[in-house]
PDB file of N, CA and C in Angstrom:
ATOM      1  N   GLU A   1     -77.966 -27.052 -41.355  1.00  0.00           N
ATOM      2  CA  GLU A   1     -79.134 -27.392 -40.060  1.00  0.00           C
ATOM      3  C   GLU A   1     -78.080 -27.930 -38.900  1.00  0.00           C
ATOM      4  N   GLU A   2     -77.526 -29.567 -39.428  1.00  0.00           N
ATOM      5  CA  GLU A   2     -76.271 -29.528 -38.918  1.00  0.00           C
ATOM      6  C   GLU A   2     -74.846 -28.722 -38.320  1.00  0.00           C
ATOM      7  N   ASP A   3     -74.420 -28.073 -38.557  1.00  0.00           N
ATOM      8  CA  ASP A   3     -73.642 -27.206 -38.292  1.00  0.00           C
ATOM      9  C   ASP A   3     -74.474 -26.196 -36.979  1.00  0.00           C
ATOM     10  N   LYS A   4     -75.411 -25.926 -37.671  1.00  0.00           N
ATOM     11  CA  LYS A   4     -76.272 -25.301 -36.296  1.00  0.00           C
ATOM     12  C   LYS A   4     -76.693 -26.304 -35.241  1.00  0.00           C
ATOM     13  N   ALA A   5     -77.329 -27.321 -35.498  1.00  0.00           N
ATOM     14  CA  ALA A   5     -76.839 -28.222 -33.980  1.00  0.00           C
ATOM     15  C   ALA A   5     -75.937 -28.587 -33.341  1.00  0.00           C
ATOM     16  N   TYR A   6     -74.015 -28.712 -33.867  1.00  0.00           N
ATOM     17  CA  TYR A   6     -73.089 -28.753 -33.579  1.00  0.00           C
ATOM     18  C   TYR A   6     -73.481 -27.428 -32.836  1.00  0.00           C
ATOM     19  N   LEU A   7     -73.591 -26.309 -33.509  1.00  0.00           N
ATOM     20  CA  LEU A   7     -73.009 -25.470 -32.129  1.00  0.00           C
ATOM     21  C   LEU A   7     -74.267 -24.783 -30.643  1.00  0.00           C
ATOM     22  N   LEU A   8     -75.013 -25.241 -31.344  1.00  0.00           N
ATOM     23  CA  LEU A   8     -76.601 -25.828 -30.186  1.00  0.00           C
ATOM     24  C   LEU A   8     -75.844 -26.329 -28.835  1.00  0.00           C
ATOM     25  N   VAL A   9     -75.157 -27.475 -29.091  1.00  0.00           N
ATOM     26  CA  VAL A   9     -75.467 -28.762 -28.238  1.00  0.00           C
ATOM     27  C   VAL A   9     -73.353 -28.511 -27.593  1.00  0.00           C
ATOM     28  N   MET A  10     -72.729 -27.240 -28.092  1.00  0.00           N
ATOM     29  CA  MET A  10     -71.568 -26.561 -27.972  1.00  0.00           C
ATOM     30  C   MET A  10     -72.005 -25.458 -26.817  1.00  0.00           C
ATOM     31  N   LEU A  11     -73.025 -25.160 -27.414  1.00  0.00           N
ATOM     32  CA  LEU A  11     -73.792 -23.785 -26.740  1.00  0.00           C
ATOM     33  C   LEU A  11     -74.366 -24.073 -24.913  1.00  0.00           C
ATOM     34  N   TYR A  12     -75.106 -25.157 -25.530  1.00  0.00           N
ATOM     35  CA  TYR A  12     -76.228 -25.734 -24.073  1.00  0.00           C
ATOM     36  C   TYR A  12     -75.038 -26.329 -23.585  1.00  0.00           C
ATOM     37  N   THR A  13     -73.722 -26.945 -24.030  1.00  0.00           N
ATOM     38  CA  THR A  13     -73.534 -28.276 -22.603  1.00  0.00           C
ATOM     39  C   THR A  13     -71.611 -27.403 -22.377  1.00  0.00           C
ATOM     40  N   ALA A  14     -71.662 -26.449 -22.398  1.00  0.00           N
ATOM     41  CA  ALA A  14     -69.900 -26.281 -22.590  1.00  0.00           C
ATOM     42  C   ALA A  14     -69.314 -26.662 -22.628  1.00  0.00           C
ATOM     43  N   ALA A  15     -69.305 -27.702 -24.382  1.00  0.00           N
ATOM     44  CA  ALA A  15     -68.043 -28.433 -24.412  1.00  0.00           C
ATOM     45  C   ALA A  15     -67.403 -27.633 -25.191  1.00  0.00           C
ATOM     46  N   ARG A  16     -65.690 -27.580 -24.955  1.00  0.00           N
ATOM     47  CA  ARG A  16     -64.523 -27.485 -25.918  1.00  0.00           C
ATOM     48  C   ARG A  16     -64.755 -28.415 -27.320  1.00  0.00           C
ATOM     49  N   ARG A  17     -64.188 -27.981 -28.071  1.00  0.00           N
ATOM     50  CA  ARG A  17     -64.341 -28.259 -29.353  1.00  0.00           C
ATOM     51  C   ARG A  17     -64.142 -29.838 -29.495  1.00  0.00           C
ATOM     52  N   ASP A  18     -62.308 -30.000 -28.814  1.00  0.00           N
ATOM     53  CA  ASP A  18     -61.966 -31.108 -28.407  1.00  0.00           C
ATOM     54  C   ASP A  18     -62.833 -32.100 -28.423  1.00  0.00           C
ATOM     55  N   GLU A  19     -63.155 -32.108 -26.634  1.00  0.00           N
ATOM     56  CA  GLU A  19     -64.898 -33.002 -26.557  1.00  0.00           C
ATOM     57  C   GLU A  19     -66.002 -32.652 -27.197  1.00  0.00           C
ATOM     58  N   LEU A  20     -66.566 -32.478 -28.160  1.00  0.00           N
ATOM     59  CA  LEU A  20     -67.521 -32.406 -29.209  1.00  0.00           C
ATOM     60  C   LEU A  20     -66.545 -33.733 -30.113  1.00  0.00           C
ATOM     61  N   PHE A  21     -65.816 -33.649 -30.664  1.00  0.00           N
ATOM     62  CA  PHE A  21     -65.135 -33.781 -31.648  1.00  0.00           C
ATOM     63  C   PHE A  21     -65.201 -35.802 -31.704  1.00  0.00           C
ATOM     64  N   ARG A  22     -64.644 -35.723 -29.882  1.00  0.00           N
ATOM     65  CA  ARG A  22     -64.879 -37.467 -29.064  1.00  0.00           C
ATOM     66  C   ARG A  22     -65.970 -38.223 -29.237  1.00  0.00           C
ATOM     67  N   LEU A  23     -66.885 -36.804 -28.771  1.00  0.00           N
ATOM     68  CA  LEU A  23     -68.403 -37.234 -28.603  1.00  0.00           C
ATOM     69  C   LEU A  23     -68.502 -38.784 -29.313  1.00  0.00           C
ATOM     70  N   GLN A  24     -69.359 -39.098 -29.172  1.00  0.00           N
ATOM     71  CA  GLN A  24     -69.845 -40.316 -30.078  1.00  0.00           C
ATOM     72  C   GLN A  24     -72.080 -40.295 -29.322  1.00  0.00           C
ATOM     73  N   TRP A  25     -72.017 -41.351 -29.851  1.00  0.00           N
ATOM     74  CA  TRP A  25     -73.556 -41.927 -29.496  1.00  0.00           C
ATOM     75  C   TRP A  25     -73.404 -42.484 -28.402  1.00  0.00           C
ATOM     76  N   SER A  26     -72.731 -42.949 -27.833  1.00  0.00           N
ATOM     77  CA  SER A  26     -72.694 -43.854 -26.613  1.00  0.00           C
ATOM     78  C   SER A  26     -72.506 -43.503 -25.743  1.00  0.00           C
ATOM     79  N   ASP A  27     -71.820 -41.783 -25.635  1.00  0.00           N
ATOM     80  CA  ASP A  27     -71.936 -40.431 -24.669  1.00  0.00           C
ATOM     81  C   ASP A  27     -73.569 -39.491 -24.188  1.00  0.00           C
ATOM     82  N   VAL A  28     -74.426 -40.883 -25.000  1.00  0.00           N
ATOM     83  CA  VAL A  28     -75.488 -39.233 -24.647  1.00  0.00           C
ATOM     84  C   VAL A  28     -76.582 -40.238 -24.449  1.00  0.00           C
ATOM     85  N   ASP A  29     -76.924 -39.692 -23.128  1.00  0.00           N
ATOM     86  CA  ASP A  29     -78.186 -39.687 -22.377  1.00  0.00           C
ATOM     87  C   ASP A  29     -79.348 -39.846 -22.785  1.00  0.00           C
ATOM     88  N   ILE A  30     -79.824 -39.602 -23.724  1.00  0.00           N
ATOM     89  CA  ILE A  30     -81.723 -38.590 -23.867  1.00  0.00           C
ATOM     90  C   ILE A  30     -82.569 -39.187 -22.789  1.00  0.00           C
ATOM     91  N   ALA A  31     -82.761 -40.012 -22.582  1.00  0.00           N
ATOM     92  CA  ALA A  31     -83.461 -40.742 -21.430  1.00  0.00           C
ATOM     93  C   ALA A  31     -82.933 -40.012 -20.077  1.00  0.00           C
ATOM     94  N   ASN A  32     -82.130 -40.051 -19.695  1.00  0.00           N
ATOM     95  CA  ASN A  32     -81.683 -38.887 -18.183  1.00  0.00           C
ATOM     96  C   ASN A  32     -81.069 -37.489 -18.550  1.00  0.00           C
ATOM     97  N   ARG A  33     -81.095 -37.108 -20.057  1.00  0.00           N
ATOM     98  CA  ARG A  33     -80.985 -35.800 -20.631  1.00  0.00           C
ATOM     99  C   ARG A  33     -79.686 -34.903 -19.893  1.00  0.00           C
ATOM    100  N   ARG A  34     -78.711 -36.180 -20.087  1.00  0.00           N
ATOM    101  CA  ARG A  34     -77.220 -35.572 -20.029  1.00  0.00           C
ATOM    102  C   ARG A  34     -76.548 -37.122 -21.251  1.00  0.00           C
ATOM    103  N   VAL A  35     -75.691 -35.600 -20.946  1.00  0.00           N
ATOM    104  CA  VAL A  35     -74.066 -36.024 -21.776  1.00  0.00           C
ATOM    105  C   VAL A  35     -73.000 -36.458 -21.449  1.00  0.00           C
ATOM    106  N   ARG A  36     -71.813 -37.506 -22.104  1.00  0.00           N
ATOM    107  CA  ARG A  36     -70.936 -37.797 -21.064  1.00  0.00           C
ATOM    108  C   ARG A  36     -69.798 -36.756 -21.898  1.00  0.00           C
ATOM    109  N   LEU A  37     -69.289 -35.777 -21.376  1.00  0.00           N
ATOM    110  CA  LEU A  37     -67.840 -35.710 -22.020  1.00  0.00           C
ATOM    111  C   LEU A  37     -66.531 -35.663 -21.385  1.00  0.00           C
ATOM    112  N   GLY A  38     -65.864 -35.898 -21.613  1.00  0.00           N
ATOM    113  CA  GLY A  38     -64.283 -36.152 -22.334  1.00  0.00           C
ATOM    114  C   GLY A  38     -63.160 -35.012 -22.115  1.00  0.00           C
ATOM    115  N   THR A  39     -62.571 -34.883 -21.218  1.00  0.00           N
ATOM    116  CA  THR A  39     -61.523 -33.634 -20.871  1.00  0.00           C
ATOM    117  C   THR A  39     -59.872 -34.346 -20.969  1.00  0.00           C
ATOM    118  N   ARG A  40     -59.503 -33.509 -21.253  1.00  0.00           N
ATOM    119  CA  ARG A  40     -58.078 -34.025 -20.875  1.00  0.00           C
ATOM    120  C   ARG A  40     -57.494 -32.495 -20.269  1.00  0.00           C
ATOM    121  N   LYS A  41     -58.379 -31.842 -19.335  1.00  0.00           N
ATOM    122  CA  LYS A  41     -57.599 -30.383 -18.816  1.00  0.00           C
ATOM    123  C   LYS A  41     -57.126 -30.857 -17.212  1.00  0.00           C
ATOM    124  N   ARG A  42     -56.674 -32.338 -16.649  1.00  0.00           N
ATOM    125  CA  ARG A  42     -56.760 -32.809 -15.832  1.00  0.00           C
ATOM    126  C   ARG A  42     -55.392 -33.010 -15.333  1.00  0.00           C
ATOM    127  N   VAL A  43     -54.659 -33.447 -14.145  1.00  0.00           N
ATOM    128  CA  VAL A  43     -53.476 -32.993 -13.984  1.00  0.00           C
ATOM    129  C   VAL A  43     -52.834 -34.843 -14.693  1.00  0.00           C
ATOM    130  N   GLY A  44     -51.630 -34.641 -15.071  1.00  0.00           N
ATOM    131  CA  GLY A  44     -51.157 -36.204 -16.072  1.00  0.00           C
ATOM    132  C   GLY A  44     -51.582 -36.000 -17.618  1.00  0.00           C
ATOM    133  N   GLY A  45     -53.397 -35.464 -17.812  1.00  0.00           N
ATOM    134  CA  GLY A  45     -53.286 -35.763 -19.307  1.00  0.00           C
ATOM    135  C   GLY A  45     -54.492 -36.696 -19.993  1.00  0.00           C
ATOM    136  N   ALA A  46     -55.131 -37.271 -18.911  1.00  0.00           N
ATOM    137  CA  ALA A  46     -55.716 -38.629 -19.133  1.00  0.00           C
ATOM    138  C   ALA A  46     -57.218 -38.142 -19.690  1.00  0.00           C
ATOM    139  N   ILE A  47     -57.813 -39.005 -20.098  1.00  0.00           N
ATOM    140  CA  ILE A  47     -58.907 -38.687 -20.688  1.00  0.00           C
ATOM    141  C   ILE A  47     -59.682 -38.966 -19.150  1.00  0.00           C
ATOM    142  N   GLU A  48     -61.095 -37.730 -18.788  1.00  0.00           N
ATOM    143  CA  GLU A  48     -61.462 -37.894 -17.174  1.00  0.00           C
ATOM    144  C   GLU A  48     -62.926 -37.736 -17.976  1.00  0.00           C
ATOM    145  N   TYR A  49     -64.194 -38.003 -17.641  1.00  0.00           N
ATOM    146  CA  TYR A  49     -65.634 -37.988 -18.120  1.00  0.00           C
ATOM    147  C   TYR A  49     -66.357 -37.605 -16.817  1.00  0.00           C
ATOM    148  N   ASP A  50     -66.687 -36.622 -17.589  1.00  0.00           N
ATOM    149  CA  ASP A  50     -68.281 -35.894 -16.434  1.00  0.00           C
ATOM    150  C   ASP A  50     -69.700 -35.645 -17.132  1.00  0.00           C
ATOM    151  N   TYR A  51     -70.576 -35.528 -16.278  1.00  0.00           N
ATOM    152  CA  TYR A  51     -71.728 -36.424 -17.372  1.00  0.00           C
ATOM    153  C   TYR A  51     -72.398 -34.506 -16.758  1.00  0.00           C
ATOM    154  N   VAL A  52     -72.601 -33.813 -18.136  1.00  0.00           N
ATOM    155  CA  VAL A  52     -73.381 -31.872 -18.161  1.00  0.00           C
ATOM    156  C   VAL A  52     -74.929 -32.325 -18.945  1.00  0.00           C
ATOM    157  N   PRO A  53     -75.435 -32.301 -17.788  1.00  0.00           N
ATOM    158  CA  PRO A  53     -76.405 -32.149 -18.348  1.00  0.00           C
ATOM    159  C   PRO A  53     -77.689 -31.435 -19.232  1.00  0.00           C
ATOM    160  N   LEU A  54     -78.507 -32.135 -20.134  1.00  0.00           N
ATOM    161  CA  LEU A  54     -78.698 -31.373 -21.675  1.00  0.00           C
ATOM    162  C   LEU A  54     -80.861 -31.180 -20.710  1.00  0.00           C
ATOM    163  N   VAL A  55     -80.506 -29.548 -22.000  1.00  0.00           N
ATOM    164  CA  VAL A  55     -81.656 -28.444 -21.643  1.00  0.00           C
ATOM    165  C   VAL A  55     -82.188 -29.463 -22.633  1.00  0.00           C
ATOM    166  N   GLN A  56     -83.459 -28.462 -22.804  1.00  0.00           N
ATOM    167  CA  GLN A  56     -84.568 -29.740 -23.986  1.00  0.00           C
ATOM    168  C   GLN A  56     -84.225 -29.283 -25.486  1.00  0.00           C
ATOM    169  N   ARG A  57     -83.371 -27.809 -25.584  1.00  0.00           N
ATOM    170  CA  ARG A  57     -83.092 -27.313 -26.701  1.00  0.00           C
ATOM    171  C   ARG A  57     -82.438 -28.458 -26.945  1.00  0.00           C
ATOM    172  N   ALA A  58     -81.499 -28.951 -26.298  1.00  0.00           N
ATOM    173  CA  ALA A  58     -80.193 -29.082 -26.737  1.00  0.00           C
ATOM    174  C   ALA A  58     -80.913 -31.218 -27.288  1.00  0.00           C
ATOM    175  N   VAL A  59     -80.656 -31.200 -26.404  1.00  0.00           N
ATOM    176  CA  VAL A  59     -82.304 -33.006 -26.779  1.00  0.00           C
ATOM    177  C   VAL A  59     -82.273 -32.739 -28.080  1.00  0.00           C
ATOM    178  N   GLU A  60     -83.173 -31.605 -28.469  1.00  0.00           N
ATOM    179  CA  GLU A  60     -83.643 -31.364 -29.615  1.00  0.00           C
ATOM    180  C   GLU A  60     -82.132 -31.598 -31.007  1.00  0.00           C
ATOM    181  N   ALA A  61     -81.540 -30.604 -30.694  1.00  0.00           N
ATOM    182  CA  ALA A  61     -80.536 -30.069 -31.412  1.00  0.00           C
ATOM    183  C   ALA A  61     -79.978 -31.808 -31.597  1.00  0.00           C
ATOM    184  N   LEU A  62     -79.234 -32.207 -30.930  1.00  0.00           N
ATOM    185  CA  LEU A  62     -78.902 -33.834 -31.023  1.00  0.00           C
ATOM    186  C   LEU A  62     -79.563 -34.038 -32.114  1.00  0.00           C
ATOM    187  N   SER A  63     -80.871 -34.816 -31.250  1.00  0.00           N
ATOM    188  CA  SER A  63     -82.027 -35.237 -32.116  1.00  0.00           C
ATOM    189  C   SER A  63     -82.159 -34.894 -33.773  1.00  0.00           C
ATOM    190  N   THR A  64     -81.603 -34.345 -34.221  1.00  0.00           N
ATOM    191  CA  THR A  64     -81.303 -33.858 -35.574  1.00  0.00           C
ATOM    192  C   THR A  64     -80.638 -33.952 -36.131  1.00  0.00           C
ATOM    193  N   LEU A  65     -79.212 -35.163 -35.422  1.00  0.00           N
ATOM    194  CA  LEU A  65     -78.162 -35.101 -36.422  1.00  0.00           C
ATOM    195  C   LEU A  65     -78.376 -36.643 -36.669  1.00  0.00           C
ATOM    196  N   PRO A  66     -77.473 -37.001 -38.132  1.00  0.00           N
ATOM    197  CA  PRO A  66     -77.322 -38.569 -38.217  1.00  0.00           C
ATOM    198  C   PRO A  66     -77.072 -39.704 -37.171  1.00  0.00           C
ATOM    199  N   LYS A  67     -78.003 -40.428 -37.632  1.00  0.00           N
ATOM    200  CA  LYS A  67     -76.843 -41.846 -36.442  1.00  0.00           C
ATOM    201  C   LYS A  67     -75.757 -42.616 -36.811  1.00  0.00           C
ATOM    202  N   LYS A  68     -75.023 -41.811 -36.825  1.00  0.00           N
ATOM    203  CA  LYS A  68     -73.858 -42.309 -37.214  1.00  0.00           C
ATOM    204  C   LYS A  68     -72.763 -42.408 -35.947  1.00  0.00           C
ATOM    205  N   HIS A  69     -71.613 -43.548 -35.915  1.00  0.00           N
ATOM    206  CA  HIS A  69     -70.998 -44.387 -34.584  1.00  0.00           C
ATOM    207  C   HIS A  69     -70.294 -42.681 -33.766  1.00  0.00           C
ATOM    208  N   MET A  70     -69.600 -41.773 -34.957  1.00  0.00           N
ATOM    209  CA  MET A  70     -69.140 -40.522 -33.858  1.00  0.00           C
ATOM    210  C   MET A  70     -69.823 -39.162 -34.384  1.00  0.00           C
ATOM    211  N   LEU A  71     -70.169 -38.008 -33.265  1.00  0.00           N
ATOM    212  CA  LEU A  71     -71.199 -37.622 -34.083  1.00  0.00           C
ATOM    213  C   LEU A  71     -70.712 -36.340 -35.092  1.00  0.00           C
ATOM    214  N   VAL A  72     -69.839 -35.717 -34.883  1.00  0.00           N
ATOM    215  CA  VAL A  72     -68.666 -34.996 -35.505  1.00  0.00           C
ATOM    216  C   VAL A  72     -67.901 -35.805 -36.444  1.00  0.00           C
TER     217      VAL A  72
END
């Protein structure tokens, strides 16, 4: 079930594997249905963050995951 939830979050957010592995609960904003993803795919290689909207199915998948510091 946990693997399925991670895959659904990747599918609905179009997150890269590394972006998902860096994801923390502080990056998830369930109230506003969005998630903050960090990427290094920009000039200079520094991490830059973008907010990605969450569809209801992704919110449901996130709610099934354990509430530890890191999601993955």
